[in-house]
Every structure is written in structure tokens, then in C-alpha cells.
Amino acid sequence: MIAALKFFHIAALSIWCAGLVGLPLLLARHHPADDQAEFARTRLVTNHAYVRVVTPAAVIAIALGTALVFMRGVFVPWMFAKLVLVGLLVLIHAWIGHITLKFGEEQGHYRPPPAGLLVGMSLLAMLAILILVLGKPFLAEGILPDWLLGTQGQPLPLREVPIW
């Protein structure tokens, strides 16, 4: 069961990451002087890729990754660092979605940020995640501030922490 979930998690993650690299490159091909047919085709391809391929792959990858964390009980510092980097990928994903939307609404008037910036940020986050996952480095428990480790005087929402 866990092997199957890992397989689908990695497959969805591969599609998501490919989209985070491919979409900025596709948007960079747009030139304000393009005719209406070329603009419409580029807009259709980028919009459908973002909405129907990349975003569902991201949701599936995150959902399966969350399930794997709880099934395996991987509550260690390197995993929390990885989750922060996954959050960064989600922000980059949302930014690319914003750019895709602006591109479609403002033909010829919107210049997307350089593709190298978006691709570089995506690849850096992906590489850092890969290093954390494959290396599973020991991160000292004391690197987090104390306020992040406690309940701040509030009760937990559950009586017990569920064990899988």
C-alpha cells in the first residue's frame, strides 16, 4: 500500500514540477506582436495546462504526501523543513497561475516576469526538497523557537494524537 502511494506521489510530483518549469517557458514565448490566432492558442494551452494538468497534479502530490507522512509517522525536523519548501513551491505555483491569468486578460499589455526567474526559483526549491528527502539529514531539535513547539497554553483540539 505504501509503495503504491509513493509511486503515485512521485508521479504526481513529477507532473507538477514539470509544469512549474514548462509553463514559464511557454509564457515567455509570447510576443506582444503575435497575431490573435497565436495569442489565443498560447492562452488556451497555458490555461488548460495550468487548470487541468498542473494544479490537479499538485493537489494529488500534496494529498498523497500528507497521507504518507501520517502512515509512516515521519515527524522529524528534516520533514518539517521539506514541508516549508513545499509551501514555497505552492507559492510559486500560485504566482505562475496569476501570471497565466494576467497573460490571458491583457493581450499584448502584460509582460510576464523573466522565465529564468520563475524556473530558477522552482528548480532551487525542487533541488532543496530532493536533497532533504534523499539525504534525510539530522537537523538539531533546538533549531526551532520554543513558541513553535508548544500549545501556548491552549488545549489541543484532540484528546489523543491518532496513531496509524
N, C-alpha and C. Protein backbone atom coordinates (compact mmCIF):
# COMPACT_ATOMS: atom_id res chain seq x y z
N MET A 1 0.82 -1.19 0.00
CA MET A 1 0.00 0.00 0.00
C MET A 1 0.86 1.26 0.00
N ILE A 2 1.87 1.27 0.88
CA ILE A 2 2.73 2.45 0.96
C ILE A 2 3.54 2.61 -0.33
N ALA A 3 3.99 1.50 -0.90
CA ALA A 3 4.75 1.58 -2.16
C ALA A 3 3.89 2.16 -3.28
N ALA A 4 2.63 1.78 -3.34
CA ALA A 4 1.73 2.31 -4.37
C ALA A 4 1.50 3.80 -4.16
N LEU A 5 1.30 4.21 -2.92
CA LEU A 5 1.12 5.63 -2.63
C LEU A 5 2.36 6.44 -2.99
N LYS A 6 3.54 5.88 -2.68
CA LYS A 6 4.78 6.56 -3.04
C LYS A 6 4.91 6.71 -4.55
N PHE A 7 4.56 5.64 -5.28
CA PHE A 7 4.63 5.69 -6.74
C PHE A 7 3.75 6.81 -7.28
N PHE A 8 2.48 6.86 -6.84
CA PHE A 8 1.57 7.89 -7.34
C PHE A 8 1.96 9.28 -6.84
N HIS A 9 2.53 9.37 -5.64
CA HIS A 9 3.02 10.65 -5.13
C HIS A 9 4.15 11.17 -6.01
N ILE A 10 5.09 10.31 -6.34
CA ILE A 10 6.22 10.71 -7.18
C ILE A 10 5.76 11.03 -8.60
N ALA A 11 4.81 10.26 -9.12
CA ALA A 11 4.29 10.54 -10.46
C ALA A 11 3.60 11.91 -10.50
N ALA A 12 2.75 12.19 -9.53
CA ALA A 12 2.06 13.48 -9.49
C ALA A 12 3.06 14.61 -9.27
N LEU A 13 4.04 14.37 -8.42
CA LEU A 13 5.07 15.37 -8.16
C LEU A 13 5.87 15.67 -9.42
N SER A 14 6.16 14.65 -10.21
CA SER A 14 6.90 14.84 -11.46
C SER A 14 6.11 15.71 -12.44
N ILE A 15 4.82 15.46 -12.54
CA ILE A 15 3.97 16.27 -13.43
C ILE A 15 3.90 17.70 -12.93
N TRP A 16 3.73 17.87 -11.62
CA TRP A 16 3.65 19.21 -11.04
C TRP A 16 4.94 19.98 -11.29
N CYS A 17 6.07 19.35 -11.02
CA CYS A 17 7.36 20.03 -11.19
C CYS A 17 7.64 20.34 -12.66
N ALA A 18 7.27 19.43 -13.55
CA ALA A 18 7.43 19.70 -14.98
C ALA A 18 6.60 20.90 -15.40
N GLY A 19 5.41 21.03 -14.83
CA GLY A 19 4.57 22.18 -15.14
C GLY A 19 5.14 23.47 -14.61
N LEU A 20 5.77 23.42 -13.43
CA LEU A 20 6.38 24.63 -12.87
C LEU A 20 7.59 25.10 -13.68
N VAL A 21 8.16 24.20 -14.43
CA VAL A 21 9.28 24.57 -15.31
C VAL A 21 8.75 24.93 -16.70
N GLY A 22 7.80 24.15 -17.20
CA GLY A 22 7.33 24.33 -18.57
C GLY A 22 6.44 25.54 -18.79
N LEU A 23 5.55 25.83 -17.84
CA LEU A 23 4.63 26.95 -18.04
C LEU A 23 5.34 28.30 -18.17
N PRO A 24 6.31 28.63 -17.32
CA PRO A 24 7.00 29.92 -17.52
C PRO A 24 7.72 29.99 -18.87
N LEU A 25 8.27 28.85 -19.31
CA LEU A 25 8.94 28.85 -20.61
C LEU A 25 7.94 29.05 -21.74
N LEU A 26 6.76 28.47 -21.60
CA LEU A 26 5.72 28.64 -22.61
C LEU A 26 5.21 30.08 -22.62
N LEU A 27 5.04 30.67 -21.46
CA LEU A 27 4.59 32.06 -21.39
C LEU A 27 5.64 33.02 -21.94
N ALA A 28 6.90 32.67 -21.81
CA ALA A 28 7.98 33.53 -22.30
C ALA A 28 8.02 33.57 -23.82
N ARG A 29 7.44 32.57 -24.47
CA ARG A 29 7.41 32.54 -25.94
C ARG A 29 6.48 33.60 -26.51
N HIS A 30 5.57 34.10 -25.69
CA HIS A 30 4.61 35.09 -26.16
C HIS A 30 5.30 36.40 -26.49
N HIS A 31 4.90 36.98 -27.60
CA HIS A 31 5.42 38.28 -28.01
C HIS A 31 4.22 39.20 -28.24
N PRO A 32 4.27 40.45 -27.79
CA PRO A 32 3.12 41.34 -27.96
C PRO A 32 2.69 41.52 -29.42
N ALA A 33 3.59 41.29 -30.35
CA ALA A 33 3.25 41.46 -31.76
C ALA A 33 2.57 40.23 -32.36
N ASP A 34 2.39 39.17 -31.58
CA ASP A 34 1.72 37.97 -32.10
C ASP A 34 0.31 38.30 -32.55
N ASP A 35 -0.13 37.62 -33.59
CA ASP A 35 -1.49 37.83 -34.06
C ASP A 35 -2.49 37.16 -33.11
N GLN A 36 -3.78 37.41 -33.36
CA GLN A 36 -4.82 36.92 -32.45
C GLN A 36 -4.85 35.40 -32.39
N ALA A 37 -4.64 34.73 -33.50
CA ALA A 37 -4.68 33.26 -33.51
C ALA A 37 -3.55 32.67 -32.67
N GLU A 38 -2.34 33.22 -32.79
CA GLU A 38 -1.21 32.74 -32.00
C GLU A 38 -1.42 33.02 -30.51
N PHE A 39 -1.94 34.21 -30.22
CA PHE A 39 -2.22 34.56 -28.82
C PHE A 39 -3.27 33.61 -28.24
N ALA A 40 -4.33 33.37 -28.97
CA ALA A 40 -5.42 32.50 -28.49
C ALA A 40 -4.91 31.08 -28.25
N ARG A 41 -4.07 30.59 -29.15
CA ARG A 41 -3.53 29.23 -28.99
C ARG A 41 -2.63 29.14 -27.76
N THR A 42 -1.74 30.12 -27.59
CA THR A 42 -0.86 30.12 -26.42
C THR A 42 -1.66 30.24 -25.13
N ARG A 43 -2.66 31.12 -25.14
CA ARG A 43 -3.50 31.30 -23.95
C ARG A 43 -4.26 30.02 -23.63
N LEU A 44 -4.81 29.38 -24.64
CA LEU A 44 -5.56 28.14 -24.42
C LEU A 44 -4.66 27.04 -23.86
N VAL A 45 -3.49 26.88 -24.43
CA VAL A 45 -2.57 25.83 -23.99
C VAL A 45 -2.12 26.09 -22.54
N THR A 46 -1.72 27.32 -22.24
CA THR A 46 -1.24 27.61 -20.88
C THR A 46 -2.36 27.49 -19.86
N ASN A 47 -3.54 27.99 -20.20
CA ASN A 47 -4.65 27.92 -19.26
C ASN A 47 -5.06 26.47 -19.00
N HIS A 48 -5.21 25.67 -20.05
CA HIS A 48 -5.60 24.27 -19.86
C HIS A 48 -4.51 23.48 -19.13
N ALA A 49 -3.25 23.75 -19.45
CA ALA A 49 -2.17 23.04 -18.76
C ALA A 49 -2.18 23.37 -17.28
N TYR A 50 -2.37 24.64 -16.95
CA TYR A 50 -2.37 25.04 -15.54
C TYR A 50 -3.58 24.47 -14.79
N VAL A 51 -4.77 24.63 -15.38
CA VAL A 51 -6.00 24.27 -14.68
C VAL A 51 -6.27 22.76 -14.69
N ARG A 52 -5.98 22.10 -15.80
CA ARG A 52 -6.37 20.70 -15.94
C ARG A 52 -5.25 19.69 -15.73
N VAL A 53 -4.01 20.14 -15.70
CA VAL A 53 -2.91 19.19 -15.53
C VAL A 53 -2.07 19.52 -14.29
N VAL A 54 -1.50 20.72 -14.27
CA VAL A 54 -0.52 21.06 -13.24
C VAL A 54 -1.17 21.21 -11.86
N THR A 55 -2.29 21.91 -11.78
CA THR A 55 -2.94 22.10 -10.48
C THR A 55 -3.48 20.79 -9.91
N PRO A 56 -4.19 19.95 -10.68
CA PRO A 56 -4.60 18.66 -10.11
C PRO A 56 -3.41 17.79 -9.68
N ALA A 57 -2.32 17.83 -10.44
CA ALA A 57 -1.14 17.07 -10.06
C ALA A 57 -0.58 17.58 -8.73
N ALA A 58 -0.60 18.90 -8.53
CA ALA A 58 -0.12 19.47 -7.27
C ALA A 58 -0.99 19.03 -6.10
N VAL A 59 -2.30 19.06 -6.30
CA VAL A 59 -3.21 18.66 -5.22
C VAL A 59 -3.03 17.18 -4.88
N ILE A 60 -2.91 16.36 -5.90
CA ILE A 60 -2.71 14.92 -5.67
C ILE A 60 -1.38 14.66 -4.97
N ALA A 61 -0.31 15.33 -5.43
CA ALA A 61 1.01 15.14 -4.81
C ALA A 61 0.99 15.55 -3.34
N ILE A 62 0.35 16.66 -3.03
CA ILE A 62 0.31 17.12 -1.64
C ILE A 62 -0.56 16.20 -0.79
N ALA A 63 -1.69 15.78 -1.33
CA ALA A 63 -2.57 14.88 -0.57
C ALA A 63 -1.90 13.55 -0.28
N LEU A 64 -1.28 12.97 -1.30
CA LEU A 64 -0.60 11.69 -1.09
C LEU A 64 0.61 11.84 -0.18
N GLY A 65 1.34 12.94 -0.32
CA GLY A 65 2.47 13.19 0.56
C GLY A 65 2.03 13.32 2.02
N THR A 66 0.92 14.00 2.24
CA THR A 66 0.38 14.13 3.59
C THR A 66 0.00 12.77 4.15
N ALA A 67 -0.66 11.96 3.33
CA ALA A 67 -1.04 10.62 3.77
C ALA A 67 0.20 9.79 4.12
N LEU A 68 1.23 9.90 3.30
CA LEU A 68 2.46 9.15 3.56
C LEU A 68 3.13 9.58 4.86
N VAL A 69 3.12 10.88 5.14
CA VAL A 69 3.72 11.37 6.39
C VAL A 69 3.03 10.72 7.58
N PHE A 70 1.70 10.66 7.56
CA PHE A 70 0.98 10.08 8.69
C PHE A 70 1.08 8.56 8.72
N MET A 71 1.09 7.93 7.56
CA MET A 71 1.19 6.46 7.53
C MET A 71 2.55 5.99 8.02
N ARG A 72 3.58 6.71 7.68
CA ARG A 72 4.94 6.33 8.07
C ARG A 72 5.36 6.94 9.40
N GLY A 73 4.62 7.93 9.88
CA GLY A 73 4.97 8.59 11.14
C GLY A 73 6.28 9.36 11.07
N VAL A 74 6.49 10.05 9.97
CA VAL A 74 7.75 10.77 9.77
C VAL A 74 7.60 12.19 10.32
N PHE A 75 7.70 12.30 11.63
CA PHE A 75 7.59 13.60 12.28
C PHE A 75 8.96 14.00 12.81
N VAL A 76 9.86 14.28 11.88
CA VAL A 76 11.24 14.61 12.21
C VAL A 76 11.56 15.99 11.62
N PRO A 77 12.58 16.67 12.15
CA PRO A 77 12.87 18.04 11.70
C PRO A 77 13.10 18.18 10.19
N TRP A 78 13.78 17.22 9.55
CA TRP A 78 14.01 17.39 8.11
C TRP A 78 12.70 17.39 7.34
N MET A 79 11.70 16.65 7.83
CA MET A 79 10.41 16.62 7.14
C MET A 79 9.71 17.97 7.25
N PHE A 80 9.83 18.62 8.40
CA PHE A 80 9.21 19.93 8.56
C PHE A 80 9.90 20.96 7.68
N ALA A 81 11.22 20.85 7.52
CA ALA A 81 11.94 21.72 6.60
C ALA A 81 11.47 21.47 5.16
N LYS A 82 11.25 20.21 4.83
CA LYS A 82 10.75 19.86 3.49
C LYS A 82 9.37 20.47 3.27
N LEU A 83 8.52 20.41 4.28
CA LEU A 83 7.17 20.96 4.14
C LEU A 83 7.20 22.48 3.94
N VAL A 84 8.16 23.16 4.54
CA VAL A 84 8.32 24.60 4.31
C VAL A 84 8.67 24.83 2.84
N LEU A 85 9.56 24.01 2.30
CA LEU A 85 9.94 24.16 0.89
C LEU A 85 8.79 23.79 -0.04
N VAL A 86 7.97 22.83 0.33
CA VAL A 86 6.77 22.51 -0.45
C VAL A 86 5.83 23.71 -0.44
N GLY A 87 5.74 24.38 0.70
CA GLY A 87 4.95 25.61 0.76
C GLY A 87 5.47 26.66 -0.20
N LEU A 88 6.79 26.75 -0.34
CA LEU A 88 7.40 27.68 -1.30
C LEU A 88 7.00 27.28 -2.72
N LEU A 89 7.00 25.98 -3.03
CA LEU A 89 6.56 25.53 -4.35
C LEU A 89 5.09 25.90 -4.59
N VAL A 90 4.27 25.81 -3.56
CA VAL A 90 2.86 26.20 -3.70
C VAL A 90 2.75 27.69 -4.01
N LEU A 91 3.57 28.51 -3.36
CA LEU A 91 3.56 29.95 -3.66
C LEU A 91 4.00 30.23 -5.09
N ILE A 92 5.03 29.54 -5.55
CA ILE A 92 5.48 29.70 -6.93
C ILE A 92 4.37 29.25 -7.89
N HIS A 93 3.71 28.15 -7.56
CA HIS A 93 2.59 27.65 -8.35
C HIS A 93 1.49 28.71 -8.47
N ALA A 94 1.14 29.33 -7.34
CA ALA A 94 0.11 30.37 -7.35
C ALA A 94 0.55 31.58 -8.17
N TRP A 95 1.82 31.94 -8.07
CA TRP A 95 2.35 33.08 -8.84
C TRP A 95 2.26 32.78 -10.33
N ILE A 96 2.62 31.58 -10.73
CA ILE A 96 2.52 31.21 -12.15
C ILE A 96 1.06 31.24 -12.59
N GLY A 97 0.14 30.81 -11.71
CA GLY A 97 -1.27 30.89 -12.04
C GLY A 97 -1.72 32.33 -12.23
N HIS A 98 -1.25 33.22 -11.38
CA HIS A 98 -1.57 34.65 -11.51
C HIS A 98 -1.04 35.20 -12.84
N ILE A 99 0.18 34.82 -13.17
CA ILE A 99 0.77 35.28 -14.43
C ILE A 99 -0.03 34.74 -15.61
N THR A 100 -0.44 33.48 -15.55
CA THR A 100 -1.23 32.88 -16.62
C THR A 100 -2.55 33.63 -16.79
N LEU A 101 -3.18 33.98 -15.69
CA LEU A 101 -4.44 34.72 -15.74
C LEU A 101 -4.24 36.11 -16.33
N LYS A 102 -3.24 36.82 -15.84
CA LYS A 102 -2.95 38.17 -16.36
C LYS A 102 -2.60 38.13 -17.84
N PHE A 103 -1.86 37.12 -18.24
CA PHE A 103 -1.49 36.95 -19.64
C PHE A 103 -2.73 36.83 -20.51
N GLY A 104 -3.71 36.06 -20.06
CA GLY A 104 -4.93 35.86 -20.83
C GLY A 104 -5.84 37.07 -20.87
N GLU A 105 -5.80 37.88 -19.83
CA GLU A 105 -6.69 39.03 -19.76
C GLU A 105 -6.15 40.26 -20.48
N GLU A 106 -4.85 40.37 -20.60
CA GLU A 106 -4.27 41.60 -21.13
C GLU A 106 -3.36 41.31 -22.31
N GLN A 107 -3.95 40.94 -23.44
CA GLN A 107 -3.15 40.60 -24.61
C GLN A 107 -2.27 41.78 -25.02
N GLY A 108 -0.99 41.50 -25.09
CA GLY A 108 -0.04 42.50 -25.56
C GLY A 108 0.31 43.56 -24.55
N HIS A 109 -0.41 43.65 -23.45
CA HIS A 109 -0.15 44.70 -22.47
C HIS A 109 0.54 44.18 -21.22
N TYR A 110 0.63 42.89 -21.07
CA TYR A 110 1.24 42.31 -19.87
C TYR A 110 2.51 41.59 -20.23
N ARG A 111 3.58 41.98 -19.58
CA ARG A 111 4.86 41.32 -19.78
C ARG A 111 5.12 40.46 -18.55
N PRO A 112 5.13 39.15 -18.72
CA PRO A 112 5.39 38.29 -17.57
C PRO A 112 6.83 38.47 -17.08
N PRO A 113 7.08 38.14 -15.81
CA PRO A 113 8.46 38.20 -15.32
C PRO A 113 9.34 37.26 -16.14
N PRO A 114 10.64 37.48 -16.11
CA PRO A 114 11.52 36.61 -16.89
C PRO A 114 11.33 35.14 -16.50
N ALA A 115 11.27 34.30 -17.51
CA ALA A 115 11.07 32.87 -17.28
C ALA A 115 12.20 32.30 -16.44
N GLY A 116 13.39 32.82 -16.62
CA GLY A 116 14.54 32.32 -15.85
C GLY A 116 14.35 32.50 -14.35
N LEU A 117 13.69 33.58 -13.94
CA LEU A 117 13.44 33.81 -12.52
C LEU A 117 12.51 32.74 -11.95
N LEU A 118 11.39 32.51 -12.63
CA LEU A 118 10.42 31.51 -12.14
C LEU A 118 10.99 30.10 -12.20
N VAL A 119 11.64 29.78 -13.30
CA VAL A 119 12.22 28.44 -13.45
C VAL A 119 13.34 28.24 -12.42
N GLY A 120 14.17 29.26 -12.24
CA GLY A 120 15.26 29.16 -11.27
C GLY A 120 14.75 28.96 -9.86
N MET A 121 13.73 29.73 -9.47
CA MET A 121 13.16 29.58 -8.13
C MET A 121 12.57 28.18 -7.96
N SER A 122 11.86 27.72 -8.97
CA SER A 122 11.25 26.38 -8.91
C SER A 122 12.32 25.31 -8.78
N LEU A 123 13.35 25.38 -9.62
CA LEU A 123 14.40 24.36 -9.60
C LEU A 123 15.18 24.37 -8.29
N LEU A 124 15.41 25.57 -7.74
CA LEU A 124 16.11 25.64 -6.45
C LEU A 124 15.30 24.98 -5.34
N ALA A 125 14.00 25.26 -5.30
CA ALA A 125 13.14 24.64 -4.28
C ALA A 125 13.08 23.13 -4.49
N MET A 126 12.95 22.70 -5.74
CA MET A 126 12.89 21.26 -6.04
C MET A 126 14.19 20.56 -5.63
N LEU A 127 15.32 21.19 -5.92
CA LEU A 127 16.61 20.61 -5.56
C LEU A 127 16.76 20.51 -4.04
N ALA A 128 16.36 21.55 -3.33
CA ALA A 128 16.45 21.51 -1.87
C ALA A 128 15.56 20.42 -1.29
N ILE A 129 14.36 20.25 -1.85
CA ILE A 129 13.47 19.19 -1.39
C ILE A 129 14.09 17.83 -1.67
N LEU A 130 14.64 17.67 -2.84
CA LEU A 130 15.27 16.40 -3.20
C LEU A 130 16.44 16.07 -2.27
N ILE A 131 17.24 17.06 -1.93
CA ILE A 131 18.36 16.85 -1.02
C ILE A 131 17.85 16.42 0.36
N LEU A 132 16.79 17.08 0.84
CA LEU A 132 16.24 16.72 2.15
C LEU A 132 15.65 15.31 2.14
N VAL A 133 14.93 14.97 1.08
CA VAL A 133 14.27 13.66 1.03
C VAL A 133 15.28 12.53 0.88
N LEU A 134 16.25 12.70 0.01
CA LEU A 134 17.22 11.64 -0.22
C LEU A 134 18.28 11.56 0.87
N GLY A 135 18.67 12.73 1.40
CA GLY A 135 19.72 12.74 2.41
C GLY A 135 19.21 12.52 3.82
N LYS A 136 17.97 12.90 4.07
CA LYS A 136 17.39 12.81 5.42
C LYS A 136 18.41 13.27 6.47
N PRO A 137 18.87 14.51 6.35
CA PRO A 137 19.92 14.97 7.27
C PRO A 137 19.41 15.10 8.69
N PHE A 138 20.33 14.97 9.61
CA PHE A 138 19.98 15.18 11.01
C PHE A 138 19.96 16.68 11.26
N LEU A 139 18.82 17.19 11.63
CA LEU A 139 18.70 18.59 11.99
C LEU A 139 18.46 18.65 13.49
N ALA A 140 19.22 19.48 14.15
CA ALA A 140 19.12 19.57 15.61
C ALA A 140 17.71 19.97 16.02
N GLU A 141 17.25 19.37 17.08
CA GLU A 141 15.90 19.65 17.57
C GLU A 141 15.78 21.09 18.09
N GLY A 142 16.88 21.69 18.47
CA GLY A 142 16.84 23.02 19.06
C GLY A 142 16.83 24.15 18.06
N ILE A 143 16.67 23.88 16.78
CA ILE A 143 16.72 24.96 15.80
C ILE A 143 15.41 25.74 15.72
N LEU A 144 14.32 25.17 16.23
CA LEU A 144 13.03 25.86 16.21
C LEU A 144 12.86 26.66 17.49
N PRO A 145 12.21 27.82 17.40
CA PRO A 145 11.97 28.60 18.62
C PRO A 145 10.97 27.87 19.53
N ASP A 146 11.06 28.15 20.83
CA ASP A 146 10.22 27.46 21.81
C ASP A 146 8.73 27.68 21.57
N TRP A 147 8.35 28.88 21.10
CA TRP A 147 6.92 29.16 20.92
C TRP A 147 6.32 28.29 19.82
N LEU A 148 7.14 27.74 18.95
CA LEU A 148 6.65 26.89 17.88
C LEU A 148 6.45 25.45 18.33
N LEU A 149 7.01 25.10 19.47
CA LEU A 149 6.98 23.72 19.93
C LEU A 149 5.88 23.43 20.95
N GLY A 150 5.22 24.44 21.44
CA GLY A 150 4.21 24.22 22.46
C GLY A 150 2.84 24.69 22.02
N THR A 151 1.87 24.49 22.89
CA THR A 151 0.49 24.84 22.57
C THR A 151 0.13 26.25 23.01
N GLN A 152 1.05 26.97 23.60
CA GLN A 152 0.85 28.35 24.04
C GLN A 152 -0.30 28.46 25.04
N GLY A 153 -0.44 27.47 25.91
CA GLY A 153 -1.46 27.50 26.94
C GLY A 153 -2.84 27.12 26.46
N GLN A 154 -2.97 26.71 25.22
CA GLN A 154 -4.26 26.33 24.66
C GLN A 154 -4.35 24.80 24.63
N PRO A 155 -5.54 24.24 24.83
CA PRO A 155 -5.67 22.79 24.74
C PRO A 155 -5.59 22.33 23.29
N LEU A 156 -5.14 21.12 23.11
CA LEU A 156 -5.11 20.53 21.78
C LEU A 156 -6.54 20.24 21.33
N PRO A 157 -6.82 20.29 20.03
CA PRO A 157 -8.18 20.05 19.58
C PRO A 157 -8.62 18.59 19.72
N LEU A 158 -7.68 17.68 19.91
CA LEU A 158 -8.00 16.26 20.09
C LEU A 158 -7.51 15.80 21.44
N ARG A 159 -8.14 14.78 21.98
CA ARG A 159 -7.70 14.24 23.26
C ARG A 159 -6.39 13.47 23.10
N GLU A 160 -6.29 12.74 22.01
CA GLU A 160 -5.10 11.95 21.76
C GLU A 160 -4.63 12.19 20.33
N VAL A 161 -3.38 11.98 20.12
CA VAL A 161 -2.86 12.04 18.77
C VAL A 161 -3.10 10.68 18.13
N PRO A 162 -3.77 10.65 16.98
CA PRO A 162 -4.05 9.34 16.37
C PRO A 162 -2.77 8.63 15.94
N ILE A 163 -2.72 7.32 16.11
CA ILE A 163 -1.59 6.51 15.69
C ILE A 163 -2.08 5.58 14.60
N TRP A 164 -1.39 5.55 13.51
CA TRP A 164 -1.79 4.72 12.36
C TRP A 164 -1.26 3.35 12.48
